[in-house]
Amino acid sequence: ITTGGSTNYADSVKGRFTISRDNAK
């Protein structure tokens, strides 16, 4: 996940895994 919140995933996990970030934490 980039600083702007854009994400990319390996094909093997697409649609099953989600990355997110909380900069405050």
PDB file of all heavy atoms in Angstrom:
ATOM      1  N   ILE A   1       0.858  -1.175   0.000  1.00  0.00           N
ATOM      2  CA  ILE A   1       0.000   0.000   0.000  1.00  0.00           C
ATOM      3  C   ILE A   1       0.899   1.232   0.000  1.00  0.00           C
ATOM      4  O   ILE A   1       1.843   1.329   0.791  1.00  0.00           O
ATOM      5  CB  ILE A   1      -0.972  -0.025   1.200  1.00  0.00           C
ATOM      6  CG1 ILE A   1      -1.930   1.163   1.143  1.00  0.00           C
ATOM      7  CG2 ILE A   1      -0.232  -0.081   2.542  1.00  0.00           C
ATOM      8  CD1 ILE A   1      -3.128   1.024   2.078  1.00  0.00           C
ATOM      9  N   THR A   2       0.585   2.159  -0.897  1.00  0.00           N
ATOM     10  CA  THR A   2       1.399   3.365  -1.017  1.00  0.00           C
ATOM     11  C   THR A   2       1.019   4.383   0.045  1.00  0.00           C
ATOM     12  O   THR A   2       0.062   4.198   0.809  1.00  0.00           O
ATOM     13  CB  THR A   2       1.220   4.004  -2.394  1.00  0.00           C
ATOM     14  OG1 THR A   2      -0.123   4.509  -2.489  1.00  0.00           O
ATOM     15  CG2 THR A   2       1.463   3.004  -3.512  1.00  0.00           C
ATOM     16  N   THR A   3       1.764   5.479   0.062  1.00  0.00           N
ATOM     17  CA  THR A   3       1.447   6.538   1.009  1.00  0.00           C
ATOM     18  C   THR A   3       0.076   7.134   0.731  1.00  0.00           C
ATOM     19  O   THR A   3      -0.594   7.612   1.646  1.00  0.00           O
ATOM     20  CB  THR A   3       2.505   7.640   0.947  1.00  0.00           C
ATOM     21  OG1 THR A   3       2.595   8.137  -0.399  1.00  0.00           O
ATOM     22  CG2 THR A   3       3.890   7.100   1.363  1.00  0.00           C
ATOM     23  N   GLY A   4      -0.365   7.064  -0.504  1.00  0.00           N
ATOM     24  CA  GLY A   4      -1.675   7.599  -0.865  1.00  0.00           C
ATOM     25  C   GLY A   4      -2.810   6.602  -0.727  1.00  0.00           C
ATOM     26  O   GLY A   4      -3.967   6.941  -0.975  1.00  0.00           O
ATOM     27  N   GLY A   5      -2.477   5.378  -0.351  1.00  0.00           N
ATOM     28  CA  GLY A   5      -3.513   4.379  -0.120  1.00  0.00           C
ATOM     29  C   GLY A   5      -3.776   3.446  -1.280  1.00  0.00           C
ATOM     30  O   GLY A   5      -4.680   2.604  -1.206  1.00  0.00           O
ATOM     31  N   SER A   6      -3.014   3.570  -2.367  1.00  0.00           N
ATOM     32  CA  SER A   6      -3.179   2.640  -3.492  1.00  0.00           C
ATOM     33  C   SER A   6      -2.583   1.287  -3.123  1.00  0.00           C
ATOM     34  O   SER A   6      -1.536   1.215  -2.475  1.00  0.00           O
ATOM     35  CB  SER A   6      -2.483   3.182  -4.736  1.00  0.00           C
ATOM     36  OG  SER A   6      -3.074   4.394  -5.145  1.00  0.00           O
ATOM     37  N   THR A   7      -3.260   0.240  -3.564  1.00  0.00           N
ATOM     38  CA  THR A   7      -2.825  -1.103  -3.213  1.00  0.00           C
ATOM     39  C   THR A   7      -2.556  -1.950  -4.453  1.00  0.00           C
ATOM     40  O   THR A   7      -3.094  -1.681  -5.539  1.00  0.00           O
ATOM     41  CB  THR A   7      -3.883  -1.824  -2.362  1.00  0.00           C
ATOM     42  OG1 THR A   7      -5.132  -1.803  -3.056  1.00  0.00           O
ATOM     43  CG2 THR A   7      -4.056  -1.150  -1.005  1.00  0.00           C
ATOM     44  N   ASN A   8      -1.729  -2.934  -4.277  1.00  0.00           N
ATOM     45  CA  ASN A   8      -1.553  -3.958  -5.303  1.00  0.00           C
ATOM     46  C   ASN A   8      -1.341  -5.277  -4.596  1.00  0.00           C
ATOM     47  O   ASN A   8      -0.899  -5.309  -3.440  1.00  0.00           O
ATOM     48  CB  ASN A   8      -0.387  -3.636  -6.244  1.00  0.00           C
ATOM     49  CG  ASN A   8       0.958  -3.857  -5.598  1.00  0.00           C
ATOM     50  OD1 ASN A   8       1.404  -3.048  -4.798  1.00  0.00           O
ATOM     51  ND2 ASN A   8       1.610  -4.957  -5.921  1.00  0.00           N
ATOM     52  N   TYR A   9      -1.705  -6.360  -5.276  1.00  0.00           N
ATOM     53  CA  TYR A   9      -1.694  -7.682  -4.671  1.00  0.00           C
ATOM     54  C   TYR A   9      -1.106  -8.728  -5.616  1.00  0.00           C
ATOM     55  O   TYR A   9      -1.205  -8.616  -6.830  1.00  0.00           O
ATOM     56  CB  TYR A   9      -3.128  -8.109  -4.307  1.00  0.00           C
ATOM     57  CG  TYR A   9      -3.820  -7.174  -3.360  1.00  0.00           C
ATOM     58  CD1 TYR A   9      -4.643  -6.155  -3.828  1.00  0.00           C
ATOM     59  CD2 TYR A   9      -3.645  -7.294  -1.986  1.00  0.00           C
ATOM     60  CE1 TYR A   9      -5.270  -5.277  -2.958  1.00  0.00           C
ATOM     61  CE2 TYR A   9      -4.272  -6.428  -1.106  1.00  0.00           C
ATOM     62  CZ  TYR A   9      -5.080  -5.423  -1.598  1.00  0.00           C
ATOM     63  OH  TYR A   9      -5.700  -4.562  -0.729  1.00  0.00           O
ATOM     64  N   ALA A  10      -0.549  -9.747  -5.012  1.00  0.00           N
ATOM     65  CA  ALA A  10      -0.148 -10.911  -5.790  1.00  0.00           C
ATOM     66  C   ALA A  10      -1.399 -11.584  -6.343  1.00  0.00           C
ATOM     67  O   ALA A  10      -2.464 -11.554  -5.710  1.00  0.00           O
ATOM     68  CB  ALA A  10       0.616 -11.890  -4.906  1.00  0.00           C
ATOM     69  N   ASP A  11      -1.281 -12.182  -7.514  1.00  0.00           N
ATOM     70  CA  ASP A  11      -2.445 -12.824  -8.134  1.00  0.00           C
ATOM     71  C   ASP A  11      -3.050 -13.890  -7.229  1.00  0.00           C
ATOM     72  O   ASP A  11      -4.266 -14.092  -7.223  1.00  0.00           O
ATOM     73  CB  ASP A  11      -2.037 -13.460  -9.468  1.00  0.00           C
ATOM     74  CG  ASP A  11      -1.778 -12.422 -10.546  1.00  0.00           C
ATOM     75  OD1 ASP A  11      -2.199 -11.253 -10.379  1.00  0.00           O
ATOM     76  OD2 ASP A  11      -1.145 -12.763 -11.566  1.00  0.00           O
ATOM     77  N   SER A  12      -2.212 -14.552  -6.457  1.00  0.00           N
ATOM     78  CA  SER A  12      -2.684 -15.658  -5.627  1.00  0.00           C
ATOM     79  C   SER A  12      -3.605 -15.216  -4.486  1.00  0.00           C
ATOM     80  O   SER A  12      -4.315 -16.053  -3.914  1.00  0.00           O
ATOM     81  CB  SER A  12      -1.493 -16.418  -5.044  1.00  0.00           C
ATOM     82  OG  SER A  12      -0.685 -15.551  -4.265  1.00  0.00           O
ATOM     83  N   VAL A  13      -3.588 -13.937  -4.169  1.00  0.00           N
ATOM     84  CA  VAL A  13      -4.419 -13.454  -3.044  1.00  0.00           C
ATOM     85  C   VAL A  13      -5.462 -12.425  -3.463  1.00  0.00           C
ATOM     86  O   VAL A  13      -6.272 -12.004  -2.636  1.00  0.00           O
ATOM     87  CB  VAL A  13      -3.545 -12.875  -1.911  1.00  0.00           C
ATOM     88  CG1 VAL A  13      -2.488 -13.877  -1.473  1.00  0.00           C
ATOM     89  CG2 VAL A  13      -2.919 -11.551  -2.297  1.00  0.00           C
ATOM     90  N   LYS A  14      -5.453 -12.026  -4.724  1.00  0.00           N
ATOM     91  CA  LYS A  14      -6.419 -11.028  -5.182  1.00  0.00           C
ATOM     92  C   LYS A  14      -7.834 -11.481  -4.932  1.00  0.00           C
ATOM     93  O   LYS A  14      -8.194 -12.625  -5.194  1.00  0.00           O
ATOM     94  CB  LYS A  14      -6.226 -10.752  -6.682  1.00  0.00           C
ATOM     95  CG  LYS A  14      -5.129  -9.761  -6.995  1.00  0.00           C
ATOM     96  CD  LYS A  14      -5.011  -9.538  -8.503  1.00  0.00           C
ATOM     97  CE  LYS A  14      -3.850  -8.602  -8.814  1.00  0.00           C
ATOM     98  NZ  LYS A  14      -3.645  -8.461 -10.273  1.00  0.00           N
ATOM     99  N   GLY A  15      -8.636 -10.578  -4.410  1.00  0.00           N
ATOM    100  CA  GLY A  15     -10.022 -10.884  -4.127  1.00  0.00           C
ATOM    101  C   GLY A  15     -10.247 -11.538  -2.772  1.00  0.00           C
ATOM    102  O   GLY A  15     -11.389 -11.647  -2.313  1.00  0.00           O
ATOM    103  N   ARG A  16      -9.147 -11.950  -2.122  1.00  0.00           N
ATOM    104  CA  ARG A  16      -9.276 -12.578  -0.803  1.00  0.00           C
ATOM    105  C   ARG A  16      -8.609 -11.756   0.295  1.00  0.00           C
ATOM    106  O   ARG A  16      -9.076 -11.761   1.442  1.00  0.00           O
ATOM    107  CB  ARG A  16      -8.644 -13.977  -0.826  1.00  0.00           C
ATOM    108  CG  ARG A  16      -9.262 -14.937  -1.813  1.00  0.00           C
ATOM    109  CD  ARG A  16      -8.705 -16.343  -1.643  1.00  0.00           C
ATOM    110  NE  ARG A  16      -7.259 -16.434  -1.876  1.00  0.00           N
ATOM    111  CZ  ARG A  16      -6.387 -16.887  -0.980  1.00  0.00           C
ATOM    112  NH1 ARG A  16      -6.796 -17.283   0.216  1.00  0.00           N
ATOM    113  NH2 ARG A  16      -5.091 -16.936  -1.287  1.00  0.00           N
ATOM    114  N   PHE A  17      -7.533 -11.064  -0.044  1.00  0.00           N
ATOM    115  CA  PHE A  17      -6.770 -10.294   0.939  1.00  0.00           C
ATOM    116  C   PHE A  17      -6.952  -8.794   0.676  1.00  0.00           C
ATOM    117  O   PHE A  17      -7.050  -8.366  -0.472  1.00  0.00           O
ATOM    118  CB  PHE A  17      -5.283 -10.615   0.866  1.00  0.00           C
ATOM    119  CG  PHE A  17      -4.887 -11.990   1.344  1.00  0.00           C
ATOM    120  CD1 PHE A  17      -5.825 -12.975   1.606  1.00  0.00           C
ATOM    121  CD2 PHE A  17      -3.544 -12.293   1.527  1.00  0.00           C
ATOM    122  CE1 PHE A  17      -5.449 -14.236   2.044  1.00  0.00           C
ATOM    123  CE2 PHE A  17      -3.139 -13.542   1.959  1.00  0.00           C
ATOM    124  CZ  PHE A  17      -4.107 -14.522   2.218  1.00  0.00           C
ATOM    125  N   THR A  18      -6.950  -8.024   1.755  1.00  0.00           N
ATOM    126  CA  THR A  18      -7.063  -6.565   1.652  1.00  0.00           C
ATOM    127  C   THR A  18      -6.060  -5.917   2.593  1.00  0.00           C
ATOM    128  O   THR A  18      -5.984  -6.268   3.775  1.00  0.00           O
ATOM    129  CB  THR A  18      -8.474  -6.096   2.020  1.00  0.00           C
ATOM    130  OG1 THR A  18      -9.425  -6.734   1.172  1.00  0.00           O
ATOM    131  CG2 THR A  18      -8.592  -4.587   1.860  1.00  0.00           C
ATOM    132  N   ILE A  19      -5.306  -4.980   2.044  1.00  0.00           N
ATOM    133  CA  ILE A  19      -4.343  -4.222   2.846  1.00  0.00           C
ATOM    134  C   ILE A  19      -4.906  -2.830   3.089  1.00  0.00           C
ATOM    135  O   ILE A  19      -5.449  -2.195   2.180  1.00  0.00           O
ATOM    136  CB  ILE A  19      -2.988  -4.112   2.126  1.00  0.00           C
ATOM    137  CG1 ILE A  19      -2.368  -5.494   1.940  1.00  0.00           C
ATOM    138  CG2 ILE A  19      -2.032  -3.215   2.904  1.00  0.00           C
ATOM    139  CD1 ILE A  19      -1.100  -5.486   1.110  1.00  0.00           C
ATOM    140  N   SER A  20      -4.757  -2.359   4.318  1.00  0.00           N
ATOM    141  CA  SER A  20      -5.160  -0.994   4.661  1.00  0.00           C
ATOM    142  C   SER A  20      -4.139  -0.426   5.644  1.00  0.00           C
ATOM    143  O   SER A  20      -3.331  -1.162   6.204  1.00  0.00           O
ATOM    144  CB  SER A  20      -6.567  -0.974   5.264  1.00  0.00           C
ATOM    145  OG  SER A  20      -6.613  -1.757   6.447  1.00  0.00           O
ATOM    146  N   ARG A  21      -4.195   0.873   5.816  1.00  0.00           N
ATOM    147  CA  ARG A  21      -3.278   1.504   6.754  1.00  0.00           C
ATOM    148  C   ARG A  21      -3.989   2.596   7.535  1.00  0.00           C
ATOM    149  O   ARG A  21      -4.928   3.222   7.014  1.00  0.00           O
ATOM    150  CB  ARG A  21      -2.055   2.081   6.037  1.00  0.00           C
ATOM    151  CG  ARG A  21      -2.339   3.227   5.084  1.00  0.00           C
ATOM    152  CD  ARG A  21      -1.109   3.573   4.235  1.00  0.00           C
ATOM    153  NE  ARG A  21       0.019   4.035   5.028  1.00  0.00           N
ATOM    154  CZ  ARG A  21       1.264   4.064   4.582  1.00  0.00           C
ATOM    155  NH1 ARG A  21       1.550   3.643   3.352  1.00  0.00           N
ATOM    156  NH2 ARG A  21       2.242   4.532   5.360  1.00  0.00           N
ATOM    157  N   ASP A  22      -3.524   2.814   8.753  1.00  0.00           N
ATOM    158  CA  ASP A  22      -4.034   3.876   9.610  1.00  0.00           C
ATOM    159  C   ASP A  22      -2.819   4.690  10.041  1.00  0.00           C
ATOM    160  O   ASP A  22      -2.095   4.290  10.961  1.00  0.00           O
ATOM    161  CB  ASP A  22      -4.768   3.287  10.810  1.00  0.00           C
ATOM    162  CG  ASP A  22      -5.429   4.345  11.670  1.00  0.00           C
ATOM    163  OD1 ASP A  22      -5.014   5.524  11.614  1.00  0.00           O
ATOM    164  OD2 ASP A  22      -6.355   4.004  12.415  1.00  0.00           O
ATOM    165  N   ASN A  23      -2.603   5.801   9.368  1.00  0.00           N
ATOM    166  CA  ASN A  23      -1.408   6.597   9.653  1.00  0.00           C
ATOM    167  C   ASN A  23      -1.440   7.203  11.056  1.00  0.00           C
ATOM    168  O   ASN A  23      -0.401   7.437  11.660  1.00  0.00           O
ATOM    169  CB  ASN A  23      -1.243   7.701   8.613  1.00  0.00           C
ATOM    170  CG  ASN A  23      -0.840   7.156   7.249  1.00  0.00           C
ATOM    171  OD1 ASN A  23      -0.301   6.044   7.127  1.00  0.00           O
ATOM    172  ND2 ASN A  23      -1.106   7.928   6.203  1.00  0.00           N
ATOM    173  N   ALA A  24      -2.628   7.434  11.583  1.00  0.00           N
ATOM    174  CA  ALA A  24      -2.738   7.982  12.936  1.00  0.00           C
ATOM    175  C   ALA A  24      -2.257   6.981  13.982  1.00  0.00           C
ATOM    176  O   ALA A  24      -1.799   7.358  15.054  1.00  0.00           O
ATOM    177  CB  ALA A  24      -4.172   8.395  13.227  1.00  0.00           C
ATOM    178  N   LYS A  25      -2.376   5.694  13.642  1.00  0.00           N
ATOM    179  CA  LYS A  25      -1.958   4.640  14.572  1.00  0.00           C
ATOM    180  C   LYS A  25      -0.636   3.996  14.165  1.00  0.00           C
ATOM    181  O   LYS A  25      -0.190   3.039  14.801  1.00  0.00           O
ATOM    182  CB  LYS A  25      -3.045   3.557  14.663  1.00  0.00           C
ATOM    183  CG  LYS A  25      -4.348   4.046  15.256  1.00  0.00           C
ATOM    184  CD  LYS A  25      -5.356   2.906  15.382  1.00  0.00           C
ATOM    185  CE  LYS A  25      -6.639   3.399  16.037  1.00  0.00           C
ATOM    186  NZ  LYS A  25      -7.644   2.316  16.153  1.00  0.00           N
TER     187      LYS A  25
END
